[in-house]
Amino acid sequence: MHALMALTRANIKSYMRDRAAVFWTLAFPLVFIVLFGLIFQGGSSDLTLAWVDDDGSPESAQLRADFAAQPGVALVDLSQDAAISDMQVGNVDSVIVVPAGYGATVLANSQGTPGAPAQVEVYTDPSRPNVTAEVFQVVGSVFGVVNLAGRPPIVIPVVETVQTQ
């Protein structure tokens, strides 16, 4: 065992004396980490979501407040046609449509009356998978809070796709 430790110490000393090996093994990767960190820093993932509220209930207003409270999310109130048009030209990243009857369905489901969950339409662009993933992360976090308590979901997203330019 003593011979193994002596051999290991000798190899480490030999390695540390070779400055080029130490540079390429330790310093060069650190330089790359710092360089790419500086290049890609501040890549803010701010989302602009078009908000279409066809219900106008207090429950849909609460849902809008929950989305607006998410960090990095900006909501723009539009009609459905205007929102989809804005999404197609790249002014908004996604469209969220709260249909009429949303509030009544949420109230019925939250009061213990079993029924179909309320459906909220989420329009995304399949050609932008990173943005789509961010949108679903935000939608999942908001709906996860709404659907708490271990019961069947109260609200579910219905995914629609829109091809943008």
C-alpha atoms as a PDB file:
ATOM      1  CA  MET A   1       0.000   0.000   0.000  1.00  0.00           C
ATOM      2  CA  HIS A   2       2.890   2.310   0.814  1.00  0.00           C
ATOM      3  CA  ALA A   3       4.314   1.775  -2.664  1.00  0.00           C
ATOM      4  CA  LEU A   4       0.988   2.670  -4.290  1.00  0.00           C
ATOM      5  CA  MET A   5       0.760   5.951  -2.364  1.00  0.00           C
ATOM      6  CA  ALA A   6       4.351   6.833  -3.246  1.00  0.00           C
ATOM      7  CA  LEU A   7       3.668   6.105  -6.923  1.00  0.00           C
ATOM      8  CA  THR A   8       0.475   8.208  -6.844  1.00  0.00           C
ATOM      9  CA  ARG A   9       2.300  11.159  -5.254  1.00  0.00           C
ATOM     10  CA  ALA A  10       5.041  10.895  -7.850  1.00  0.00           C
ATOM     11  CA  ASN A  11       2.502  10.918 -10.708  1.00  0.00           C
ATOM     12  CA  ILE A  12       0.695  13.957  -9.282  1.00  0.00           C
ATOM     13  CA  LYS A  13       3.982  15.851  -8.875  1.00  0.00           C
ATOM     14  CA  SER A  14       4.981  14.929 -12.408  1.00  0.00           C
ATOM     15  CA  TYR A  15       1.621  16.100 -13.734  1.00  0.00           C
ATOM     16  CA  MET A  16       1.725  19.397 -11.818  1.00  0.00           C
ATOM     17  CA  ARG A  17       5.205  20.159 -13.168  1.00  0.00           C
ATOM     18  CA  ASP A  18       3.886  20.004 -16.736  1.00  0.00           C
ATOM     19  CA  ARG A  19       2.370  23.475 -16.989  1.00  0.00           C
ATOM     20  CA  ALA A  20       0.852  22.871 -20.422  1.00  0.00           C
ATOM     21  CA  ALA A  21      -1.061  19.825 -19.173  1.00  0.00           C
ATOM     22  CA  VAL A  22      -2.350  21.732 -16.155  1.00  0.00           C
ATOM     23  CA  PHE A  23      -3.438  24.646 -18.365  1.00  0.00           C
ATOM     24  CA  TRP A  24      -5.304  22.475 -20.890  1.00  0.00           C
ATOM     25  CA  THR A  25      -6.920  20.372 -18.175  1.00  0.00           C
ATOM     26  CA  LEU A  26      -7.937  23.017 -15.651  1.00  0.00           C
ATOM     27  CA  ALA A  27      -7.567  26.599 -16.893  1.00  0.00           C
ATOM     28  CA  PHE A  28      -8.731  26.198 -20.502  1.00  0.00           C
ATOM     29  CA  PRO A  29     -12.190  24.772 -19.583  1.00  0.00           C
ATOM     30  CA  LEU A  30     -12.631  27.575 -17.035  1.00  0.00           C
ATOM     31  CA  VAL A  31     -11.805  30.157 -19.715  1.00  0.00           C
ATOM     32  CA  PHE A  32     -14.467  28.618 -21.962  1.00  0.00           C
ATOM     33  CA  ILE A  33     -17.031  28.626 -19.156  1.00  0.00           C
ATOM     34  CA  VAL A  34     -16.412  32.305 -18.448  1.00  0.00           C
ATOM     35  CA  LEU A  35     -16.336  33.208 -22.158  1.00  0.00           C
ATOM     36  CA  PHE A  36     -19.622  31.476 -23.014  1.00  0.00           C
ATOM     37  CA  GLY A  37     -21.181  32.749 -19.800  1.00  0.00           C
ATOM     38  CA  LEU A  38     -20.396  36.308 -20.857  1.00  0.00           C
ATOM     39  CA  ILE A  39     -21.626  35.746 -24.410  1.00  0.00           C
ATOM     40  CA  PHE A  40     -24.950  34.192 -23.427  1.00  0.00           C
ATOM     41  CA  GLN A  41     -25.659  36.086 -20.223  1.00  0.00           C
ATOM     42  CA  GLY A  42     -28.916  37.868 -19.700  1.00  0.00           C
ATOM     43  CA  GLY A  43     -30.857  35.744 -22.136  1.00  0.00           C
ATOM     44  CA  SER A  44     -34.085  36.816 -20.544  1.00  0.00           C
ATOM     45  CA  SER A  45     -36.939  34.519 -21.274  1.00  0.00           C
ATOM     46  CA  ASP A  46     -39.684  37.105 -21.099  1.00  0.00           C
ATOM     47  CA  LEU A  47     -42.938  35.802 -22.523  1.00  0.00           C
ATOM     48  CA  THR A  48     -45.613  37.975 -24.039  1.00  0.00           C
ATOM     49  CA  LEU A  49     -48.922  36.177 -23.823  1.00  0.00           C
ATOM     50  CA  ALA A  50     -52.128  37.368 -25.478  1.00  0.00           C
ATOM     51  CA  TRP A  51     -55.033  37.040 -23.047  1.00  0.00           C
ATOM     52  CA  VAL A  52     -58.512  36.427 -24.457  1.00  0.00           C
ATOM     53  CA  ASP A  53     -61.236  36.418 -21.796  1.00  0.00           C
ATOM     54  CA  ASP A  54     -64.576  35.317 -23.247  1.00  0.00           C
ATOM     55  CA  ASP A  55     -65.976  34.586 -19.772  1.00  0.00           C
ATOM     56  CA  GLY A  56     -65.522  37.787 -17.762  1.00  0.00           C
ATOM     57  CA  SER A  57     -66.123  36.008 -14.448  1.00  0.00           C
ATOM     58  CA  PRO A  58     -64.265  36.579 -11.173  1.00  0.00           C
ATOM     59  CA  GLU A  59     -62.657  33.151 -11.654  1.00  0.00           C
ATOM     60  CA  SER A  60     -61.211  34.172 -15.030  1.00  0.00           C
ATOM     61  CA  ALA A  61     -60.014  37.440 -13.500  1.00  0.00           C
ATOM     62  CA  GLN A  62     -58.272  35.422 -10.769  1.00  0.00           C
ATOM     63  CA  LEU A  63     -56.700  33.181 -13.426  1.00  0.00           C
ATOM     64  CA  ARG A  64     -55.439  36.265 -15.262  1.00  0.00           C
ATOM     65  CA  ALA A  65     -53.962  37.600 -12.025  1.00  0.00           C
ATOM     66  CA  ASP A  66     -52.226  34.245 -11.468  1.00  0.00           C
ATOM     67  CA  PHE A  67     -50.684  34.402 -14.949  1.00  0.00           C
ATOM     68  CA  ALA A  68     -49.672  38.049 -14.493  1.00  0.00           C
ATOM     69  CA  ALA A  69     -47.968  37.153 -11.200  1.00  0.00           C
ATOM     70  CA  GLN A  70     -45.598  34.747 -12.956  1.00  0.00           C
ATOM     71  CA  PRO A  71     -42.093  36.214 -13.308  1.00  0.00           C
ATOM     72  CA  GLY A  72     -41.162  37.151 -16.864  1.00  0.00           C
ATOM     73  CA  VAL A  73     -44.737  37.035 -18.168  1.00  0.00           C
ATOM     74  CA  ALA A  74     -46.458  40.016 -19.785  1.00  0.00           C
ATOM     75  CA  LEU A  75     -50.141  39.763 -20.675  1.00  0.00           C
ATOM     76  CA  VAL A  76     -51.808  41.648 -23.518  1.00  0.00           C
ATOM     77  CA  ASP A  77     -55.629  41.774 -23.621  1.00  0.00           C
ATOM     78  CA  LEU A  78     -56.909  41.159 -27.146  1.00  0.00           C
ATOM     79  CA  SER A  79     -59.767  39.547 -29.033  1.00  0.00           C
ATOM     80  CA  GLN A  80     -59.142  36.008 -30.242  1.00  0.00           C
ATOM     81  CA  ASP A  81     -58.736  36.946 -33.907  1.00  0.00           C
ATOM     82  CA  ALA A  82     -56.404  39.846 -33.115  1.00  0.00           C
ATOM     83  CA  ALA A  83     -54.394  37.675 -30.719  1.00  0.00           C
ATOM     84  CA  ILE A  84     -53.878  34.906 -33.280  1.00  0.00           C
ATOM     85  CA  SER A  85     -52.941  37.486 -35.925  1.00  0.00           C
ATOM     86  CA  ASP A  86     -50.429  39.055 -33.532  1.00  0.00           C
ATOM     87  CA  MET A  87     -49.006  35.623 -32.796  1.00  0.00           C
ATOM     88  CA  GLN A  88     -48.611  34.846 -36.495  1.00  0.00           C
ATOM     89  CA  VAL A  89     -46.523  37.983 -37.059  1.00  0.00           C
ATOM     90  CA  GLY A  90     -44.484  37.460 -33.882  1.00  0.00           C
ATOM     91  CA  ASN A  91     -45.867  40.195 -31.627  1.00  0.00           C
ATOM     92  CA  VAL A  92     -46.931  37.687 -28.954  1.00  0.00           C
ATOM     93  CA  ASP A  93     -45.444  34.307 -28.065  1.00  0.00           C
ATOM     94  CA  SER A  94     -48.650  32.481 -27.249  1.00  0.00           C
ATOM     95  CA  VAL A  95     -52.403  32.993 -26.925  1.00  0.00           C
ATOM     96  CA  ILE A  96     -54.467  31.912 -23.921  1.00  0.00           C
ATOM     97  CA  VAL A  97     -58.232  31.795 -24.444  1.00  0.00           C
ATOM     98  CA  VAL A  98     -60.585  31.518 -21.469  1.00  0.00           C
ATOM     99  CA  PRO A  99     -63.903  30.346 -22.953  1.00  0.00           C
ATOM    100  CA  ALA A 100     -67.369  31.418 -21.887  1.00  0.00           C
ATOM    101  CA  GLY A 101     -68.626  29.301 -19.007  1.00  0.00           C
ATOM    102  CA  TYR A 102     -65.184  28.900 -17.458  1.00  0.00           C
ATOM    103  CA  GLY A 103     -66.184  30.469 -14.146  1.00  0.00           C
ATOM    104  CA  ALA A 104     -69.319  28.353 -13.736  1.00  0.00           C
ATOM    105  CA  THR A 105     -67.403  25.144 -14.467  1.00  0.00           C
ATOM    106  CA  VAL A 106     -64.630  26.020 -12.026  1.00  0.00           C
ATOM    107  CA  LEU A 107     -67.166  26.868  -9.298  1.00  0.00           C
ATOM    108  CA  ALA A 108     -69.071  23.628  -9.842  1.00  0.00           C
ATOM    109  CA  ASN A 109     -65.900  21.509  -9.801  1.00  0.00           C
ATOM    110  CA  SER A 110     -64.391  23.249  -6.782  1.00  0.00           C
ATOM    111  CA  GLN A 111     -67.590  22.822  -4.749  1.00  0.00           C
ATOM    112  CA  GLY A 112     -67.441  19.060  -5.117  1.00  0.00           C
ATOM    113  CA  THR A 113     -69.843  18.597  -8.014  1.00  0.00           C
ATOM    114  CA  PRO A 114     -67.980  16.153 -10.221  1.00  0.00           C
ATOM    115  CA  GLY A 115     -67.910  17.159 -13.821  1.00  0.00           C
ATOM    116  CA  ALA A 116     -65.687  17.741 -16.781  1.00  0.00           C
ATOM    117  CA  PRO A 117     -62.816  20.113 -16.046  1.00  0.00           C
ATOM    118  CA  ALA A 118     -62.844  23.610 -17.461  1.00  0.00           C
ATOM    119  CA  GLN A 119     -60.801  23.843 -20.623  1.00  0.00           C
ATOM    120  CA  VAL A 120     -58.538  26.766 -21.431  1.00  0.00           C
ATOM    121  CA  GLU A 121     -57.171  26.961 -24.963  1.00  0.00           C
ATOM    122  CA  VAL A 122     -53.432  27.551 -25.290  1.00  0.00           C
ATOM    123  CA  TYR A 123     -52.198  28.432 -28.766  1.00  0.00           C
ATOM    124  CA  THR A 124     -48.513  27.750 -29.400  1.00  0.00           C
ATOM    125  CA  ASP A 125     -46.170  27.606 -32.376  1.00  0.00           C
ATOM    126  CA  PRO A 126     -44.686  24.147 -33.038  1.00  0.00           C
ATOM    127  CA  SER A 127     -41.756  25.687 -34.926  1.00  0.00           C
ATOM    128  CA  ARG A 128     -40.573  27.400 -31.712  1.00  0.00           C
ATOM    129  CA  PRO A 129     -40.068  24.519 -29.273  1.00  0.00           C
ATOM    130  CA  ASN A 130     -38.155  26.580 -26.685  1.00  0.00           C
ATOM    131  CA  VAL A 131     -40.919  29.167 -26.422  1.00  0.00           C
ATOM    132  CA  THR A 132     -43.551  26.421 -26.378  1.00  0.00           C
ATOM    133  CA  ALA A 133     -41.738  24.727 -23.490  1.00  0.00           C
ATOM    134  CA  GLU A 134     -41.603  28.017 -21.560  1.00  0.00           C
ATOM    135  CA  VAL A 135     -45.309  28.611 -22.174  1.00  0.00           C
ATOM    136  CA  PHE A 136     -46.211  25.133 -20.934  1.00  0.00           C
ATOM    137  CA  GLN A 137     -44.009  25.606 -17.890  1.00  0.00           C
ATOM    138  CA  VAL A 138     -45.917  28.783 -16.994  1.00  0.00           C
ATOM    139  CA  VAL A 139     -49.298  27.196 -17.780  1.00  0.00           C
ATOM    140  CA  GLY A 140     -48.399  24.112 -15.759  1.00  0.00           C
ATOM    141  CA  SER A 141     -47.339  26.129 -12.743  1.00  0.00           C
ATOM    142  CA  VAL A 142     -50.514  28.235 -12.770  1.00  0.00           C
ATOM    143  CA  PHE A 143     -52.856  25.292 -13.368  1.00  0.00           C
ATOM    144  CA  GLY A 144     -50.958  23.232 -10.799  1.00  0.00           C
ATOM    145  CA  VAL A 145     -51.950  25.727  -8.116  1.00  0.00           C
ATOM    146  CA  VAL A 146     -55.554  25.858  -9.355  1.00  0.00           C
ATOM    147  CA  ASN A 147     -55.778  22.054  -9.386  1.00  0.00           C
ATOM    148  CA  LEU A 148     -54.396  21.457  -5.880  1.00  0.00           C
ATOM    149  CA  ALA A 149     -55.976  19.191  -3.239  1.00  0.00           C
ATOM    150  CA  GLY A 150     -55.607  15.777  -4.845  1.00  0.00           C
ATOM    151  CA  ARG A 151     -58.932  15.765  -6.661  1.00  0.00           C
ATOM    152  CA  PRO A 152     -59.540  15.445 -10.379  1.00  0.00           C
ATOM    153  CA  PRO A 153     -58.292  18.514 -12.237  1.00  0.00           C
ATOM    154  CA  ILE A 154     -60.521  21.574 -12.258  1.00  0.00           C
ATOM    155  CA  VAL A 155     -58.812  23.228 -15.236  1.00  0.00           C
ATOM    156  CA  ILE A 156     -56.917  21.625 -18.104  1.00  0.00           C
ATOM    157  CA  PRO A 157     -55.146  23.193 -21.074  1.00  0.00           C
ATOM    158  CA  VAL A 158     -56.304  22.388 -24.587  1.00  0.00           C
ATOM    159  CA  VAL A 159     -53.377  22.772 -26.945  1.00  0.00           C
ATOM    160  CA  GLU A 160     -53.884  24.402 -30.320  1.00  0.00           C
ATOM    161  CA  THR A 161     -51.082  25.108 -32.763  1.00  0.00           C
ATOM    162  CA  VAL A 162     -50.633  28.157 -34.981  1.00  0.00           C
ATOM    163  CA  GLN A 163     -47.850  28.344 -37.541  1.00  0.00           C
ATOM    164  CA  THR A 164     -46.047  31.674 -37.380  1.00  0.00           C
ATOM    165  CA  GLN A 165     -43.752  33.377 -39.841  1.00  0.00           C
END
